[in-house]
Amino acid sequence: MKDIDFESINTIEDIKNYGSEKEWIDLLNGIVAPMKVNIRSFQDVLSIVELLKSKWAPMMQGCFVSKKAEYIFYLTKLEGKQRNKLLGISDEMYENKELAKSWYKNIAKSVHPDSNNGDESKAFLVLKELYDNMVDDCEE
């Protein structure tokens, strides 16, 4: 089988373009070994590829296992412009309180200490500080 771009696979036709069911069985069994896949059709192949893309760390986009882990890393390990860029902070957020609030609520859902512990508490404090600075600037 030729090199597979798993992110581009979204339909049964995409699956068929890469190879036969037998080739897919061999490939997927190699990926998940020592486990085995149970494939009876191209639909089964598509279902397994979709599952692997969403749950199997080596097939996920980026290096983080979850959006929560990504936010925690940015908030606790980075500072300044780099952190702000990766968190999606824009100059508009310092001028528009509603935009800042929307941004804050989106990230706070992932790192709020009531539903987490450990680094999440520190991440939430940093997030709150960033948000408070945005809102303070909006009021000036």
C-alpha atoms as a PDB file:
ATOM      1  CA  MET A   1       0.000   0.000   0.000  1.00  0.00           C
ATOM      2  CA  LYS A   2       1.203   3.487  -0.759  1.00  0.00           C
ATOM      3  CA  ASP A   3       1.749   6.038   2.013  1.00  0.00           C
ATOM      4  CA  ILE A   4      -1.582   6.780   3.633  1.00  0.00           C
ATOM      5  CA  ASP A   5      -2.686  10.231   4.706  1.00  0.00           C
ATOM      6  CA  PHE A   6      -5.172   9.152   7.371  1.00  0.00           C
ATOM      7  CA  GLU A   7      -6.445  12.709   7.848  1.00  0.00           C
ATOM      8  CA  SER A   8      -7.666  12.765   4.236  1.00  0.00           C
ATOM      9  CA  ILE A   9      -9.739   9.595   4.669  1.00  0.00           C
ATOM     10  CA  ASN A  10     -13.396  10.454   5.163  1.00  0.00           C
ATOM     11  CA  THR A  11     -15.367   8.136   2.855  1.00  0.00           C
ATOM     12  CA  ILE A  12     -15.433   4.524   1.697  1.00  0.00           C
ATOM     13  CA  GLU A  13     -14.156   5.723  -1.697  1.00  0.00           C
ATOM     14  CA  ASP A  14     -11.096   7.192   0.044  1.00  0.00           C
ATOM     15  CA  ILE A  15     -10.515   3.787   1.656  1.00  0.00           C
ATOM     16  CA  LYS A  16     -10.868   1.942  -1.654  1.00  0.00           C
ATOM     17  CA  ASN A  17      -8.387   4.295  -3.344  1.00  0.00           C
ATOM     18  CA  TYR A  18      -5.635   3.066  -1.023  1.00  0.00           C
ATOM     19  CA  GLY A  19      -6.114  -0.684  -1.361  1.00  0.00           C
ATOM     20  CA  SER A  20      -8.142  -3.842  -0.919  1.00  0.00           C
ATOM     21  CA  GLU A  21      -9.860  -5.045   2.257  1.00  0.00           C
ATOM     22  CA  LYS A  22      -7.063  -7.605   2.729  1.00  0.00           C
ATOM     23  CA  GLU A  23      -4.423  -4.877   2.481  1.00  0.00           C
ATOM     24  CA  TRP A  24      -6.336  -2.779   4.999  1.00  0.00           C
ATOM     25  CA  ILE A  25      -6.678  -5.727   7.395  1.00  0.00           C
ATOM     26  CA  ASP A  26      -2.922  -6.299   7.267  1.00  0.00           C
ATOM     27  CA  LEU A  27      -2.147  -2.594   7.700  1.00  0.00           C
ATOM     28  CA  LEU A  28      -4.553  -2.010  10.586  1.00  0.00           C
ATOM     29  CA  ASN A  29      -3.535  -5.207  12.382  1.00  0.00           C
ATOM     30  CA  GLY A  30       0.066  -3.997  12.135  1.00  0.00           C
ATOM     31  CA  ILE A  31      -0.890  -0.628  13.626  1.00  0.00           C
ATOM     32  CA  VAL A  32      -2.880  -1.994  16.577  1.00  0.00           C
ATOM     33  CA  ALA A  33      -0.794  -5.129  17.277  1.00  0.00           C
ATOM     34  CA  PRO A  34      -0.973  -7.094  19.509  1.00  0.00           C
ATOM     35  CA  MET A  35      -4.696  -6.416  19.174  1.00  0.00           C
ATOM     36  CA  LYS A  36      -6.596  -7.500  16.062  1.00  0.00           C
ATOM     37  CA  VAL A  37      -9.269  -5.760  13.994  1.00  0.00           C
ATOM     38  CA  ASN A  38     -12.436  -7.479  12.832  1.00  0.00           C
ATOM     39  CA  ILE A  39     -13.121  -6.305   9.278  1.00  0.00           C
ATOM     40  CA  ARG A  40     -15.833  -7.658   7.013  1.00  0.00           C
ATOM     41  CA  SER A  41     -16.297  -4.691   4.671  1.00  0.00           C
ATOM     42  CA  PHE A  42     -14.900  -1.352   3.582  1.00  0.00           C
ATOM     43  CA  GLN A  43     -17.442   0.228   5.954  1.00  0.00           C
ATOM     44  CA  ASP A  44     -15.706  -1.604   8.822  1.00  0.00           C
ATOM     45  CA  VAL A  45     -12.366  -0.233   7.609  1.00  0.00           C
ATOM     46  CA  LEU A  46     -13.747   3.307   7.557  1.00  0.00           C
ATOM     47  CA  SER A  47     -15.214   2.898  11.052  1.00  0.00           C
ATOM     48  CA  ILE A  48     -11.894   1.676  12.436  1.00  0.00           C
ATOM     49  CA  VAL A  49      -9.917   4.446  10.716  1.00  0.00           C
ATOM     50  CA  GLU A  50     -12.318   7.076  12.140  1.00  0.00           C
ATOM     51  CA  LEU A  51     -12.006   5.562  15.613  1.00  0.00           C
ATOM     52  CA  LEU A  52      -8.218   5.470  15.419  1.00  0.00           C
ATOM     53  CA  LYS A  53      -8.060   9.082  14.200  1.00  0.00           C
ATOM     54  CA  SER A  54     -10.104  10.243  17.187  1.00  0.00           C
ATOM     55  CA  LYS A  55      -8.728   8.008  19.968  1.00  0.00           C
ATOM     56  CA  TRP A  56      -5.332   6.611  18.989  1.00  0.00           C
ATOM     57  CA  ALA A  57      -2.597   9.098  19.989  1.00  0.00           C
ATOM     58  CA  PRO A  58      -0.188   8.274  17.103  1.00  0.00           C
ATOM     59  CA  MET A  59      -2.923   9.171  14.599  1.00  0.00           C
ATOM     60  CA  MET A  60      -4.131  12.353  16.271  1.00  0.00           C
ATOM     61  CA  GLN A  61      -3.345  15.744  14.842  1.00  0.00           C
ATOM     62  CA  GLY A  62      -0.587  17.506  16.736  1.00  0.00           C
ATOM     63  CA  CYS A  63       1.357  16.310  19.726  1.00  0.00           C
ATOM     64  CA  PHE A  64      -1.314  16.690  22.418  1.00  0.00           C
ATOM     65  CA  VAL A  65      -3.663  13.910  23.479  1.00  0.00           C
ATOM     66  CA  SER A  66      -6.488  16.380  24.119  1.00  0.00           C
ATOM     67  CA  LYS A  67      -7.419  20.034  23.829  1.00  0.00           C
ATOM     68  CA  LYS A  68      -7.320  20.188  27.637  1.00  0.00           C
ATOM     69  CA  ALA A  69      -3.693  18.971  27.683  1.00  0.00           C
ATOM     70  CA  GLU A  70      -2.833  21.520  25.013  1.00  0.00           C
ATOM     71  CA  TYR A  71      -4.364  24.420  26.974  1.00  0.00           C
ATOM     72  CA  ILE A  72      -2.681  23.323  30.204  1.00  0.00           C
ATOM     73  CA  PHE A  73       0.696  23.192  28.482  1.00  0.00           C
ATOM     74  CA  TYR A  74       0.282  26.641  26.913  1.00  0.00           C
ATOM     75  CA  LEU A  75      -0.931  28.197  30.164  1.00  0.00           C
ATOM     76  CA  THR A  76       1.618  26.622  32.512  1.00  0.00           C
ATOM     77  CA  LYS A  77       4.750  26.235  30.391  1.00  0.00           C
ATOM     78  CA  LEU A  78       4.749  29.201  27.993  1.00  0.00           C
ATOM     79  CA  GLU A  79       4.719  32.969  28.417  1.00  0.00           C
ATOM     80  CA  GLY A  80       4.355  36.150  26.433  1.00  0.00           C
ATOM     81  CA  LYS A  81       3.619  36.469  22.740  1.00  0.00           C
ATOM     82  CA  GLN A  82       4.165  32.787  21.993  1.00  0.00           C
ATOM     83  CA  ARG A  83       1.603  31.710  24.605  1.00  0.00           C
ATOM     84  CA  ASN A  84      -0.883  34.369  23.530  1.00  0.00           C
ATOM     85  CA  LYS A  85      -0.620  33.370  19.879  1.00  0.00           C
ATOM     86  CA  LEU A  86      -1.112  29.671  20.622  1.00  0.00           C
ATOM     87  CA  LEU A  87      -4.089  30.438  22.867  1.00  0.00           C
ATOM     88  CA  GLY A  88      -5.672  32.495  20.098  1.00  0.00           C
ATOM     89  CA  ILE A  89      -5.501  35.833  21.916  1.00  0.00           C
ATOM     90  CA  SER A  90      -5.962  38.789  19.588  1.00  0.00           C
ATOM     91  CA  ASP A  91      -5.707  42.556  20.075  1.00  0.00           C
ATOM     92  CA  GLU A  92      -9.485  42.731  19.575  1.00  0.00           C
ATOM     93  CA  MET A  93     -10.011  40.854  22.841  1.00  0.00           C
ATOM     94  CA  TYR A  94      -8.443  43.757  24.727  1.00  0.00           C
ATOM     95  CA  GLU A  95     -11.003  46.086  23.131  1.00  0.00           C
ATOM     96  CA  ASN A  96     -14.118  43.892  23.063  1.00  0.00           C
ATOM     97  CA  LYS A  97     -15.295  42.539  26.419  1.00  0.00           C
ATOM     98  CA  GLU A  98     -17.746  40.047  24.856  1.00  0.00           C
ATOM     99  CA  LEU A  99     -15.058  38.580  22.610  1.00  0.00           C
ATOM    100  CA  ALA A 100     -12.735  38.221  25.613  1.00  0.00           C
ATOM    101  CA  LYS A 101     -15.504  36.592  27.645  1.00  0.00           C
ATOM    102  CA  SER A 102     -16.274  34.088  24.890  1.00  0.00           C
ATOM    103  CA  TRP A 103     -12.588  33.179  24.572  1.00  0.00           C
ATOM    104  CA  TYR A 104     -12.259  32.796  28.353  1.00  0.00           C
ATOM    105  CA  LYS A 105     -15.357  30.609  28.763  1.00  0.00           C
ATOM    106  CA  ASN A 106     -14.259  28.312  25.942  1.00  0.00           C
ATOM    107  CA  ILE A 107     -10.918  27.558  27.590  1.00  0.00           C
ATOM    108  CA  ALA A 108     -12.191  27.662  31.185  1.00  0.00           C
ATOM    109  CA  LYS A 109     -14.465  24.680  30.462  1.00  0.00           C
ATOM    110  CA  SER A 110     -11.337  22.577  29.911  1.00  0.00           C
ATOM    111  CA  VAL A 111      -9.131  23.782  32.752  1.00  0.00           C
ATOM    112  CA  HIS A 112     -11.527  24.782  35.560  1.00  0.00           C
ATOM    113  CA  PRO A 113     -10.293  23.392  38.903  1.00  0.00           C
ATOM    114  CA  ASP A 114     -13.762  22.189  39.981  1.00  0.00           C
ATOM    115  CA  SER A 115     -13.589  19.461  37.357  1.00  0.00           C
ATOM    116  CA  ASN A 116      -9.831  18.854  37.492  1.00  0.00           C
ATOM    117  CA  ASN A 117      -6.775  18.869  39.759  1.00  0.00           C
ATOM    118  CA  GLY A 118      -3.008  19.345  39.627  1.00  0.00           C
ATOM    119  CA  ASP A 119      -1.640  21.524  36.792  1.00  0.00           C
ATOM    120  CA  GLU A 120      -5.198  22.446  35.826  1.00  0.00           C
ATOM    121  CA  SER A 121      -5.472  24.675  38.937  1.00  0.00           C
ATOM    122  CA  LYS A 122      -2.361  26.615  37.942  1.00  0.00           C
ATOM    123  CA  ALA A 123      -3.572  26.772  34.339  1.00  0.00           C
ATOM    124  CA  PHE A 124      -6.908  28.189  35.465  1.00  0.00           C
ATOM    125  CA  LEU A 125      -5.210  30.888  37.555  1.00  0.00           C
ATOM    126  CA  VAL A 126      -3.103  31.945  34.573  1.00  0.00           C
ATOM    127  CA  LEU A 127      -6.199  31.927  32.341  1.00  0.00           C
ATOM    128  CA  LYS A 128      -8.098  34.068  34.859  1.00  0.00           C
ATOM    129  CA  GLU A 129      -5.217  36.535  35.032  1.00  0.00           C
ATOM    130  CA  LEU A 130      -5.091  36.826  31.226  1.00  0.00           C
ATOM    131  CA  TYR A 131      -8.849  37.377  31.091  1.00  0.00           C
ATOM    132  CA  ASP A 132      -8.795  39.960  33.904  1.00  0.00           C
ATOM    133  CA  ASN A 133      -6.091  41.905  32.033  1.00  0.00           C
ATOM    134  CA  MET A 134      -8.210  41.859  28.871  1.00  0.00           C
ATOM    135  CA  VAL A 135     -11.326  43.047  30.663  1.00  0.00           C
ATOM    136  CA  ASP A 136      -9.392  45.749  32.561  1.00  0.00           C
ATOM    137  CA  ASP A 137      -8.056  47.081  29.269  1.00  0.00           C
ATOM    138  CA  CYS A 138     -11.576  47.115  27.803  1.00  0.00           C
ATOM    139  CA  GLU A 139     -12.833  49.367  30.609  1.00  0.00           C
ATOM    140  CA  GLU A 140     -10.079  51.962  30.208  1.00  0.00           C
END
